Protein backbone atom coordinates (compact mmCIF):
# COMPACT_ATOMS: atom_id res chain seq x y z
CA UNK A 1 48.35 -17.40 -6.26
CA UNK A 2 49.77 -15.45 -3.56
CA UNK A 3 52.27 -13.67 -6.24
CA UNK A 4 49.13 -12.86 -8.29
CA UNK A 5 47.42 -11.14 -5.44
CA UNK A 6 50.29 -9.26 -4.40
CA UNK A 7 51.05 -7.94 -7.45
CA UNK A 8 47.52 -7.07 -8.20
CA UNK A 9 47.47 -5.03 -4.85
CA UNK A 10 50.56 -3.55 -5.83
CA UNK A 11 48.82 -2.44 -9.43
CA UNK A 12 45.79 -1.29 -7.01
CA UNK A 13 47.63 1.20 -4.55
CA UNK A 14 49.94 2.63 -6.88
CA UNK A 15 46.99 3.06 -9.69
CA UNK A 16 43.44 2.93 -9.91
CA UNK A 17 43.85 2.95 -6.04
CA UNK A 18 44.24 7.31 -6.32
CA UNK A 19 40.89 7.33 -7.55
CA UNK A 20 39.83 7.21 -4.21
CA UNK A 21 42.19 10.01 -2.99
CA UNK A 22 41.37 12.34 -5.51
CA UNK A 23 37.17 11.00 -5.23
CA UNK A 24 37.75 12.00 -1.75
CA UNK A 25 39.32 14.89 -1.10
CA UNK A 26 37.69 16.43 -4.35
CA UNK A 27 34.49 15.70 -1.83
CA UNK A 28 36.08 17.18 1.40
CA UNK A 29 36.78 20.04 -0.39
CA UNK A 30 33.25 20.75 -1.81
CA UNK A 31 31.30 19.92 1.16
CA UNK A 32 28.35 23.19 0.66
CA UNK A 33 27.97 22.43 -3.07
CA UNK A 34 26.60 19.00 -2.26
CA UNK A 35 25.03 19.05 0.68
CA UNK A 36 23.46 22.12 -1.31
CA UNK A 37 22.41 20.24 -4.39
CA UNK A 38 20.61 17.90 -2.01
CA UNK A 39 18.87 19.86 -0.31
CA UNK A 40 17.46 21.60 -3.34
CA UNK A 41 16.60 18.33 -4.70
CA UNK A 42 15.07 16.79 -1.60
CA UNK A 43 13.07 20.35 -1.28
CA UNK A 44 10.66 19.40 -4.44
CA UNK A 45 7.89 17.14 -3.39
CA UNK A 46 8.08 13.57 -5.22
CA UNK A 47 4.78 11.34 -5.34
CA UNK A 48 4.39 9.79 -8.15
CA UNK A 49 0.39 10.65 -8.43
CA UNK A 50 1.48 14.69 -7.94
CA UNK A 51 2.24 15.08 -11.15
CA UNK A 52 2.87 18.95 -11.61
CA UNK A 53 5.67 18.84 -8.49
CA UNK A 54 7.26 15.48 -10.32
CA UNK A 55 7.59 17.37 -13.74
CA UNK A 56 9.45 20.32 -11.71
CA UNK A 57 11.54 17.61 -10.21
CA UNK A 58 12.41 16.31 -13.93
CA UNK A 59 12.83 19.48 -15.42
CA UNK A 60 15.33 20.48 -12.11
CA UNK A 61 17.14 16.56 -12.73
CA UNK A 62 17.32 17.32 -16.24
CA UNK A 63 19.28 20.31 -15.70
CA UNK A 64 21.51 19.59 -13.32
CA UNK A 65 22.92 16.47 -16.01
CA UNK A 66 22.92 19.32 -18.44
CA UNK A 67 25.39 21.64 -16.46
CA UNK A 68 27.64 18.74 -16.60
CA UNK A 69 27.99 18.18 -20.26
CA UNK A 70 25.18 15.46 -20.70
CA UNK A 71 22.98 15.73 -23.07
CA UNK A 72 19.54 15.59 -21.11
CA UNK A 73 15.83 15.53 -21.78
CA UNK A 74 12.45 14.20 -20.75
CA UNK A 75 11.22 11.37 -22.27
CA UNK A 76 7.06 11.34 -22.18
CA UNK A 77 5.49 8.09 -21.44
CA UNK A 78 1.73 7.82 -20.62
CA UNK A 79 2.49 8.83 -16.94
CA UNK A 80 5.52 11.00 -15.57
CA UNK A 81 8.42 11.49 -17.83
CA UNK A 82 12.05 9.84 -17.63
CA UNK A 83 14.17 12.01 -17.12
CA UNK A 84 17.52 10.48 -19.78
CA UNK A 85 21.15 11.39 -19.86
CA UNK A 86 23.90 10.44 -21.87
CA UNK A 87 27.61 11.39 -22.36
CA UNK A 88 29.81 10.15 -24.80
CA UNK A 89 33.07 9.43 -23.83
CA UNK A 90 35.51 9.06 -26.90
CA UNK A 91 37.38 5.94 -27.17
CA UNK A 92 34.96 3.85 -24.86
CA UNK A 93 33.85 0.47 -26.03
CA UNK A 94 30.81 -0.27 -23.95
CA UNK A 95 27.94 2.01 -22.22
CA UNK A 96 26.68 1.44 -18.98
CA UNK A 97 23.05 2.93 -18.42
CA UNK A 98 22.98 3.88 -14.15
CA UNK A 99 19.18 3.57 -13.25
CA UNK A 100 17.99 5.68 -10.57
CA UNK A 101 14.43 7.28 -9.55
CA UNK A 102 13.43 10.38 -8.75
CA UNK A 103 9.94 9.57 -7.14
CA UNK A 104 9.41 8.69 -3.41
CA UNK A 105 6.84 7.32 -1.43
CA UNK A 106 3.93 9.35 0.22
CA UNK A 107 4.38 10.68 3.34
CA UNK A 108 2.19 10.62 6.60
CA UNK A 109 3.55 14.57 8.32
CA UNK A 110 2.24 14.10 11.38
CA UNK A 111 4.55 11.32 11.96
CA UNK A 112 7.22 12.58 11.04
CA UNK A 113 9.24 14.83 13.66
CA UNK A 114 10.17 17.81 11.83
CA UNK A 115 7.46 20.26 10.29
CA UNK A 116 7.73 19.62 6.93
CA UNK A 117 8.99 15.77 5.40
CA UNK A 118 10.37 18.11 2.19
CA UNK A 119 11.85 20.59 4.22
CA UNK A 120 15.06 19.00 4.58
CA UNK A 121 16.57 19.29 8.14
CA UNK A 122 20.47 18.58 9.17
CA UNK A 123 21.00 16.72 11.91
CA UNK A 124 24.49 15.80 14.20
CA UNK A 125 23.12 11.71 14.44
CA UNK A 126 20.09 9.94 14.54
CA UNK A 127 17.04 10.97 15.26
CA UNK A 128 16.10 7.93 17.96
CA UNK A 129 19.63 8.66 19.75
CA UNK A 130 18.45 12.52 20.23
CA UNK A 131 20.83 13.79 17.78
CA UNK A 132 20.24 18.14 17.71
CA UNK A 133 19.56 19.66 14.71
CA UNK A 134 21.65 21.86 13.22
CA UNK A 135 20.42 25.23 11.69
CA UNK A 136 21.63 27.03 8.76
CA UNK A 137 22.55 23.80 7.03
CA UNK A 138 23.46 25.84 3.67
CA UNK A 139 25.86 27.59 5.56
CA UNK A 140 28.11 25.07 6.48
CA UNK A 141 31.49 25.07 5.13
CA UNK A 142 32.63 21.56 6.41
CA UNK A 143 29.55 18.51 7.37
CA UNK A 144 30.64 15.77 9.45
CA UNK A 145 29.97 12.04 8.43
CA UNK A 146 27.28 10.88 11.42
CA UNK A 147 25.46 13.66 10.30
CA UNK A 148 22.07 12.99 8.80
CA UNK A 149 20.07 14.78 6.76
CA UNK A 150 16.45 13.84 7.03
CA UNK A 151 13.52 14.28 4.68
CA UNK A 152 11.33 12.22 2.13
CA UNK A 153 13.98 11.05 -0.14
CA UNK A 154 17.13 11.49 1.35
CA UNK A 155 18.53 8.01 0.46
CA UNK A 156 15.79 6.18 -1.49
CA UNK A 157 16.42 7.71 -4.24
CA UNK A 158 17.46 11.32 -4.69
CA UNK A 159 21.23 11.35 -3.06
CA UNK A 160 22.08 8.35 -5.48
CA UNK A 161 21.29 10.58 -8.24
CA UNK A 162 23.18 14.02 -6.72
CA UNK A 163 25.91 11.21 -6.36
CA UNK A 164 26.22 9.73 -9.40
CA UNK A 165 26.29 14.23 -10.84
CA UNK A 166 29.09 14.34 -7.69
CA UNK A 167 31.39 11.50 -9.15
CA UNK A 168 31.06 12.53 -12.64
CA UNK A 169 32.40 16.26 -11.07
CA UNK A 170 35.28 14.79 -8.82
CA UNK A 171 36.92 13.05 -11.80
CA UNK A 172 36.51 15.78 -14.32
CA UNK A 173 38.42 18.09 -11.66
CA UNK A 174 41.25 15.59 -11.48
CA UNK A 175 41.29 14.73 -15.47
CA UNK A 176 39.57 11.69 -15.25
CA UNK A 177 37.33 10.69 -18.10
CA UNK A 178 34.75 7.63 -17.14
CA UNK A 179 35.91 4.47 -19.35
CA UNK A 180 32.97 3.41 -20.48
CA UNK A 181 29.90 6.07 -22.39
CA UNK A 182 27.55 6.60 -19.40
CA UNK A 183 23.81 6.84 -19.75
CA UNK A 184 21.38 7.24 -17.05
CA UNK A 185 17.74 6.88 -16.80
CA UNK A 186 15.51 8.40 -13.80
CA UNK A 187 12.55 6.90 -13.06
CA UNK A 188 9.13 8.90 -12.10
CA UNK A 189 6.81 5.93 -10.68
CA UNK A 190 9.33 3.46 -9.43
CA UNK A 191 7.30 3.75 -5.50
CA UNK A 192 3.98 3.12 -7.98
CA UNK A 193 5.42 0.05 -9.93
CA UNK A 194 6.70 1.69 -12.54
CA UNK A 195 3.85 1.44 -14.91
CA UNK A 196 5.23 3.26 -17.70
CA UNK A 197 9.17 1.81 -17.75
CA UNK A 198 8.32 -1.27 -19.71
CA UNK A 199 5.81 0.88 -21.90
CA UNK A 200 8.88 3.33 -22.66
CA UNK A 201 11.09 0.70 -23.69
CA UNK A 202 9.03 0.79 -27.74
CA UNK A 203 9.61 4.19 -28.02
CA UNK A 204 13.02 4.72 -26.62
CA UNK A 205 14.88 1.72 -26.86
CA UNK A 206 17.45 3.13 -29.04
CA UNK A 207 18.17 5.36 -26.61
CA UNK A 208 18.63 2.92 -23.70
CA UNK A 209 20.98 0.33 -25.99
CA UNK A 210 23.82 -0.26 -23.25
CA UNK A 211 25.92 -2.70 -21.77
CA UNK A 212 25.31 -3.50 -18.45
CA UNK A 213 22.49 -1.18 -16.56
CA UNK A 214 23.75 -0.44 -12.97
CA UNK A 215 20.95 -0.02 -10.42
CA UNK A 216 21.89 2.73 -7.52
CA UNK A 217 18.81 2.19 -5.32
CA UNK A 218 18.90 0.38 -1.91
CA UNK A 219 21.13 0.64 0.99
CA UNK A 220 24.77 -0.64 1.68
CA UNK A 221 25.52 -3.77 3.41
CA UNK A 222 25.28 -2.94 7.36
CA UNK A 223 29.08 -2.70 7.73
CA UNK A 224 29.46 0.04 5.62
CA UNK A 225 31.72 -1.44 3.02
CA UNK A 226 30.87 -1.22 -0.66
CA UNK A 227 28.55 -3.00 -2.07
CA UNK A 228 27.26 -4.87 -5.37
CA UNK A 229 24.92 -6.75 -5.09
CA UNK A 230 23.56 -9.29 -8.36
CA UNK A 231 19.70 -9.68 -8.21
CA UNK A 232 16.78 -8.74 -6.43
CA UNK A 233 13.18 -10.50 -5.32
CA UNK A 234 10.09 -9.45 -6.99
CA UNK A 235 7.27 -9.54 -5.40
CA UNK A 236 3.62 -10.97 -5.53
CA UNK A 237 0.77 -9.27 -3.40
CA UNK A 238 -2.88 -10.38 -1.91
CA UNK A 239 -5.32 -9.48 0.61
CA UNK A 240 -6.96 -12.93 2.71
CA UNK A 241 -9.79 -11.64 3.90
CA UNK A 242 -12.44 -14.25 6.08
CA UNK A 243 -16.63 -13.93 5.81
CA UNK A 244 -18.55 -13.95 9.01
CA UNK A 245 -21.88 -12.98 10.06
CA UNK A 246 -23.40 -10.43 6.70
CA UNK A 247 -22.74 -7.74 9.71
CA UNK A 248 -21.36 -7.38 12.99
CA UNK A 249 -23.32 -8.79 15.56
CA UNK A 250 -23.45 -8.50 19.26
CA UNK A 251 -20.92 -10.41 20.64
CA UNK A 252 -22.83 -11.34 24.30
CA UNK A 253 -25.84 -12.24 22.40
CA UNK A 254 -24.58 -14.06 19.54
CA UNK A 255 -20.91 -15.12 21.32
CA UNK A 256 -20.09 -19.08 21.29
CA UNK A 257 -22.58 -19.35 17.93
CA UNK A 258 -22.02 -16.80 15.45
CA UNK A 259 -18.37 -17.84 13.87
CA UNK A 260 -15.79 -15.45 14.53
CA UNK A 261 -13.68 -14.35 11.36
CA UNK A 262 -10.92 -12.83 12.68
CA UNK A 263 -10.26 -16.14 15.10
CA UNK A 264 -10.92 -18.02 11.61
CA UNK A 265 -8.51 -16.11 9.99
CA UNK A 266 -5.80 -16.03 12.98
CA UNK A 267 -5.73 -20.06 12.54
CA UNK A 268 -5.61 -20.18 9.05
CA UNK A 269 -2.53 -17.72 9.42
CA UNK A 270 -1.24 -19.91 11.75
CA UNK A 271 -1.28 -22.67 9.27
CA UNK A 272 0.54 -21.52 6.60
CA UNK A 273 4.31 -21.09 9.28
CA UNK A 274 5.80 -23.44 11.48
CA UNK A 275 6.66 -22.08 14.43
CA UNK A 276 10.78 -21.60 13.00
CA UNK A 277 9.03 -19.68 10.61
CA UNK A 278 9.06 -22.60 6.99
CA UNK A 279 6.57 -21.81 4.95
CA UNK A 280 4.16 -24.45 5.14
CA UNK A 281 1.85 -23.88 1.88
CA UNK A 282 2.21 -27.42 0.19
CA UNK A 283 5.30 -26.79 -2.54
CA UNK A 284 6.39 -23.90 -1.84
CA UNK A 285 10.02 -23.96 -1.80
CA UNK A 286 9.76 -26.20 -4.55
CA UNK A 287 11.08 -24.32 -7.81
CA UNK A 288 14.43 -22.57 -5.44
CA UNK A 289 16.87 -23.81 -7.29
CA UNK A 290 20.43 -24.97 -5.12
CA UNK A 291 23.42 -23.01 -5.23
CA UNK A 292 26.50 -23.28 -6.71
CA UNK A 293 29.27 -23.73 -4.09
CA UNK A 294 31.21 -20.20 -5.53
CA UNK A 295 27.67 -18.82 -4.78
CA UNK A 296 27.56 -20.55 -0.87
CA UNK A 297 30.90 -18.85 -0.91
CA UNK A 298 29.37 -15.52 -1.24
CA UNK A 299 27.55 -15.47 0.72
CA UNK A 300 29.28 -16.84 3.33
CA UNK A 301 31.93 -13.92 2.92
CA UNK A 302 28.98 -11.60 3.21
CA UNK A 303 30.15 -9.67 7.06
CA UNK A 304 26.35 -9.24 8.56
CA UNK A 305 26.53 -8.67 12.37
CA UNK A 306 23.83 -10.27 12.92
CA UNK A 307 23.82 -8.88 16.62
CA UNK A 308 24.14 -5.23 15.80
CA UNK A 309 21.48 -5.64 13.62
CA UNK A 310 19.10 -7.46 16.10
CA UNK A 311 20.19 -4.85 18.05
CA UNK A 312 19.05 -1.99 16.07
CA UNK A 313 15.60 -3.69 14.81
CA UNK A 314 14.77 -4.24 18.97
CA UNK A 315 14.18 -8.09 18.17
CA UNK A 316 15.40 -10.29 20.66
CA UNK A 317 16.54 -13.47 17.99
CA UNK A 318 15.99 -14.03 14.29
CA UNK A 319 13.24 -16.87 12.90
CA UNK A 320 14.83 -20.62 13.43
CA UNK A 321 14.70 -21.30 9.74
CA UNK A 322 16.65 -19.37 8.60
CA UNK A 323 18.97 -17.87 11.04
CA UNK A 324 21.34 -16.19 8.66
CA UNK A 325 19.97 -13.14 6.86
CA UNK A 326 21.66 -13.91 3.48
CA UNK A 327 20.60 -17.57 3.64
CA UNK A 328 16.66 -16.49 4.23
CA UNK A 329 16.95 -13.74 1.04
CA UNK A 330 17.35 -17.28 -1.61
CA UNK A 331 13.75 -17.98 -0.80
CA UNK A 332 9.98 -16.66 -0.74
CA UNK A 333 8.38 -14.91 1.54
CA UNK A 334 5.42 -14.86 2.64
CA UNK A 335 5.13 -11.55 5.11
CA UNK A 336 1.87 -10.63 6.53
CA UNK A 337 2.29 -7.43 6.59
CA UNK A 338 -1.58 -5.42 7.97
CA UNK A 339 -4.57 -7.41 10.12
CA UNK A 340 -7.77 -5.46 10.27
CA UNK A 341 -10.79 -6.22 11.54
CA UNK A 342 -13.60 -4.15 13.35
CA UNK A 343 -12.13 -1.62 15.66
CA UNK A 344 -9.90 -1.55 18.30
CA UNK A 345 -8.29 1.01 21.20
CA UNK A 346 -11.36 3.63 21.88
CA UNK A 347 -13.44 2.75 18.92
CA UNK A 348 -13.90 -1.08 20.21
CA UNK A 349 -17.06 -2.39 20.17
CA UNK A 350 -19.08 -5.59 21.79
CA UNK A 351 -19.30 -7.37 18.01
CA UNK A 352 -18.17 -10.41 16.20
CA UNK A 353 -16.78 -8.88 13.02
CA UNK A 354 -17.94 -9.11 9.75
CA UNK A 355 -14.98 -9.77 7.81
CA UNK A 356 -11.00 -9.98 8.92
CA UNK A 357 -8.09 -9.42 6.47
CA UNK A 358 -4.76 -9.95 6.01
CA UNK A 359 -2.60 -7.96 3.85
CA UNK A 360 -0.01 -10.69 2.78
CA UNK A 361 3.20 -10.05 1.08
CA UNK A 362 5.16 -12.25 -1.32
CA UNK A 363 8.48 -12.00 -2.08
CA UNK A 364 9.77 -13.78 -5.40
CA UNK A 365 13.08 -15.33 -5.89
CA UNK A 366 14.29 -15.77 -9.57
CA UNK A 367 12.73 -19.24 -9.84
CA UNK A 368 9.57 -18.80 -8.74
CA UNK A 369 6.72 -17.69 -10.57
CA UNK A 370 3.83 -15.44 -8.38
CA UNK A 371 1.12 -16.87 -10.76
CA UNK A 372 2.28 -20.61 -9.16
CA UNK A 373 3.59 -19.29 -5.59
CA UNK A 374 -0.44 -17.56 -5.58
CA UNK A 375 -2.14 -20.72 -7.29
CA UNK A 376 -0.78 -23.33 -4.30
CA UNK A 377 -1.70 -20.49 -1.38
CA UNK A 378 -5.27 -20.71 -2.89
CA UNK A 379 -4.90 -24.43 -2.38
CA UNK A 380 -3.40 -24.36 0.83
CA UNK A 381 -6.84 -21.97 1.94
CA UNK A 382 -8.90 -24.52 0.39
CA UNK A 383 -7.47 -27.77 2.30
CA UNK A 384 -8.31 -25.68 5.58
CA UNK A 385 -11.74 -26.01 4.29
CA UNK A 386 -12.47 -22.68 2.68
CA UNK A 387 -14.67 -21.97 -0.06
CA UNK A 388 -12.66 -19.48 -1.76
CA UNK A 389 -14.69 -17.00 -3.64
CA UNK A 390 -13.44 -14.09 -6.41
CA UNK A 391 -15.65 -11.18 -5.09
CA UNK A 392 -18.21 -10.38 -2.14
CA UNK A 393 -19.67 -13.38 -1.40
CA UNK A 394 -23.81 -13.93 -2.18
CA UNK A 395 -26.48 -14.72 -0.16
CA UNK A 396 -26.34 -18.22 -1.68
CA UNK A 397 -23.26 -18.34 -1.52
CA UNK A 398 -23.11 -17.85 2.38
CA UNK A 399 -25.91 -20.17 2.94
CA UNK A 400 -24.61 -23.06 0.82
CA UNK A 401 -20.82 -22.97 2.52
CA UNK A 402 -20.14 -22.14 6.61
CA UNK A 403 -16.46 -20.93 5.81
CA UNK A 404 -15.43 -18.57 3.35
CA UNK A 405 -12.83 -16.80 1.93
CA UNK A 406 -11.04 -13.92 -0.50
CA UNK A 407 -8.09 -14.04 -2.12
CA UNK A 408 -7.66 -10.84 -4.07
CA UNK A 409 -4.78 -10.02 -5.80
CA UNK A 410 -3.68 -6.16 -5.21
CA UNK A 411 -1.33 -3.64 -7.42
CA UNK A 412 1.09 -5.44 -10.37
CA UNK A 413 3.24 -8.81 -9.50
CA UNK A 414 7.08 -7.95 -9.73
CA UNK A 415 9.26 -10.61 -10.88
CA UNK A 416 12.78 -11.28 -9.25
CA UNK A 417 15.64 -10.77 -11.26
CA UNK A 418 19.31 -12.07 -10.66
CA UNK A 419 22.54 -11.50 -12.81
CA UNK A 420 25.20 -14.54 -12.49
CA UNK A 421 28.61 -13.09 -10.43
CA UNK A 422 30.69 -14.87 -13.41
CA UNK A 423 28.89 -12.57 -16.15
CA UNK A 424 32.07 -10.73 -17.64
CA UNK A 425 30.97 -7.24 -17.18
CA UNK A 426 29.36 -8.00 -13.59
CA UNK A 427 33.53 -9.20 -12.77
CA UNK A 428 34.86 -6.23 -14.48
CA UNK A 429 32.12 -4.11 -12.16
CA UNK A 430 33.54 -5.95 -9.21
CA UNK A 431 37.15 -5.55 -10.23
CA UNK A 432 36.74 -2.12 -10.67
CA UNK A 433 35.60 -1.36 -7.22
CA UNK A 434 38.25 -3.92 -5.72
CA UNK A 435 41.39 -1.68 -7.31
CA UNK A 436 39.72 1.46 -6.19
CA UNK A 437 39.33 0.05 -2.25
CA UNK A 438 42.38 -2.38 -2.35
CA UNK A 439 39.40 -4.59 -1.21
CA UNK A 440 36.62 -6.27 -2.79
CA UNK A 441 33.42 -5.43 -2.16
CA UNK A 442 30.41 -6.76 -0.18
CA UNK A 443 28.88 -9.49 -2.79
CA UNK A 444 25.30 -10.10 -2.50
CA UNK A 445 23.48 -12.63 -4.49
CA UNK A 446 20.01 -11.15 -3.94
CA UNK A 447 18.44 -8.15 -2.35
CA UNK A 448 15.73 -8.66 -0.16
CA UNK A 449 13.90 -5.75 -1.32
CA UNK A 450 12.14 -5.78 -4.46
CA UNK A 451 12.73 -3.23 -7.76
CA UNK A 452 10.18 -3.30 -9.82
CA UNK A 453 12.24 -2.90 -12.79
CA UNK A 454 12.70 -6.74 -13.60
CA UNK A 455 10.68 -6.36 -16.80
CA UNK A 456 12.66 -3.36 -17.67
CA UNK A 457 15.72 -5.19 -17.36
CA UNK A 458 14.21 -8.33 -19.19
CA UNK A 459 12.86 -6.58 -21.93
CA UNK A 460 16.41 -4.19 -22.67
CA UNK A 461 18.10 -7.86 -22.46
CA UNK A 462 21.48 -6.85 -20.56
CA UNK A 463 22.37 -8.01 -17.49
CA UNK A 464 21.93 -5.51 -14.47
CA UNK A 465 23.63 -5.36 -11.22
CA UNK A 466 22.89 -2.88 -7.93
CA UNK A 467 25.40 -1.03 -6.11
CA UNK A 468 23.58 0.95 -3.52
CA UNK A 469 25.38 4.36 -1.80
CA UNK A 470 23.41 5.01 1.07
CA UNK A 471 23.20 3.92 5.30
CA UNK A 472 21.54 0.49 5.70
CA UNK A 473 19.29 2.25 8.78
CA UNK A 474 17.45 4.86 6.66
CA UNK A 475 14.41 4.67 7.20
CA UNK A 476 13.60 3.75 3.61
CA UNK A 477 9.92 3.97 2.88
CA UNK A 478 9.10 4.70 7.09
CA UNK A 479 8.81 8.11 8.66
CA UNK A 480 11.83 9.92 9.06
CA UNK A 481 13.66 8.98 5.98
CA UNK A 482 17.44 9.74 6.50
CA UNK A 483 20.81 9.79 5.05
CA UNK A 484 24.22 9.24 6.84
CA UNK A 485 26.22 11.72 4.83
CA UNK A 486 29.48 9.61 5.10
CA UNK A 487 28.27 6.80 4.19
CA UNK A 488 26.99 8.78 1.20
CA UNK A 489 30.22 10.64 0.69
CA UNK A 490 32.46 6.85 -0.19
CA UNK A 491 29.32 6.06 -2.44
CA UNK A 492 30.33 8.67 -4.40
CA UNK A 493 33.66 7.03 -4.59
CA UNK A 494 32.24 3.67 -5.87
CA UNK A 495 30.17 5.72 -8.51
CA UNK A 496 33.35 6.89 -9.84
CA UNK A 497 35.24 3.21 -9.54
CA UNK A 498 32.40 1.87 -11.40
CA UNK A 499 32.70 4.78 -14.24
CA UNK A 500 36.72 3.98 -14.39
CA UNK A 501 35.38 0.23 -14.58
C-alpha cells in the first residue's frame, strides 16, 4: 500500500501537479484582469425580484462565456432566465455540468459599512479587524492574498462564476484543454428557492445531459484546503404562533389573569429541546440511517478547528449533544431563527400581547422527509395541550380552547441530497484534486446548509457534488459579505483540477 501511494505521489509531482504551478503562475500575472472582471460583475444589482437588473446580469455573463469560445445562450423560463454555456472538447468521453447562481440575497444598505453593497470595496483584510479600504482597486497591478472584496454576492455566488472562466483561461494559456465536455448552468433565482429551475428541465433536458454535476457554491472548509462536499441538507420552514387575547390588554389590569402567549410560546419552545441541544420531538431522528465505516472515517478526517471557529463566532462552547461539527451535519435540526411578540425597546408597552410567533427552520438530511417532520412537530405541539389551527382562530375556537397555536408552512420545502463518496465519478474528481495538490481534499459527507436544487438533481438523474471555492468567513447572506482573494485564487486552481479530471 505504501509503495502504491509513493508511486501515485511521484506521478502527481511529475505530471498533474504542474497544473497547480501553471495555473497559479497565470493567476499571479493576471490580477488586474481577474479582479476587474469580478468588480464588473458585482456592480450589477442581482436580487431575483429585480427583473431588469437580473437580465442585465444574465446578458453580461453570457457575453463573458461567449468570449471564451463557449456556445452561450439565455434559456427562458417562467421566471428569470438561466444562462447556459457549453464547450465541446474533441475526444472527451464524459460531460461535466457546472452549476452556479448569479442572483444574490436582498440587502439593507443601512447595515453595510460602505455606501452601496453593489459598489465593491477592496480592503486590506477583514472589516471587523479594522482593515483599511484600498482606493482605485481597478488600477492595481497586483493584490495580496489576505485582501478582501466587500459587496453583495462577492462570495455567494459571482466569484465562483468568474473563477470558472479564469480556470478555463489559465488552462488555455498553458495549451491544456479540459478532459471533459463542459456545460455551465447559471441560476437566476437560487436565493428565491429556484422555482423556475425544475420546470425548465422539461424544455431543456437535452441541453442539460451530463455525467456529473459540480455545484460551485458555498464556503470551503475553515482550514482553507480544497474541499469536496458530497451532499447538502434540505430545509423546511414554519411559523409557530401562540394566541392570547384578541388584542393586547393592559398588563396591570389583567396580569396574572389573562394568559400571556409569549410566555406560553417560550415554554412550548423549551419543551422541544433538552439542555444539551438534542431535539425532544418524538421520532425526530428515527429515519436517520447509520453511516458506513468509510463514512465515519471521512467524518473523522475533516480537520475542523473548533477553537478557531468558536472564537470567530464569539461562542464559548458548542451544543453538548453534537460537540463535533461534522457529526451535527448528519442529523436534522430544529432551529428558532426569529421571535416576535408585541414591542421592545423604545416602543415597548405594558401589555399582554395578542400573540407570539417563532419562525422555525428544520434542516433535513437525505433520509428525512419534510412532511414527516412537520407532522411530528405538530403532534408535539398538540401533546403540550395546544389546539392546532390552520388559520386565524375565530370566536368559537377561542371560546372552546384555552391554548391555541398555528403552524404555517413558509415558502417551499427543499429536500436534501447526497452522493455516495464511492461513486466512480465522485472518486475521479477527488483523485484529480489530489493529484494537483499532492494531498487529498477535505471530504465532507453533508454540508450544513441547503442548496435548493435537490429537485433539479433528482430530475436530471445523475450524481452531484459541491466544490466550494470561497472563504468560510464570508458573511454569506449577511451584511458586509466578502471574498478573501487568496482563497478564491486557490479555488480557481481547484476548478482547473476538476476540468482536468
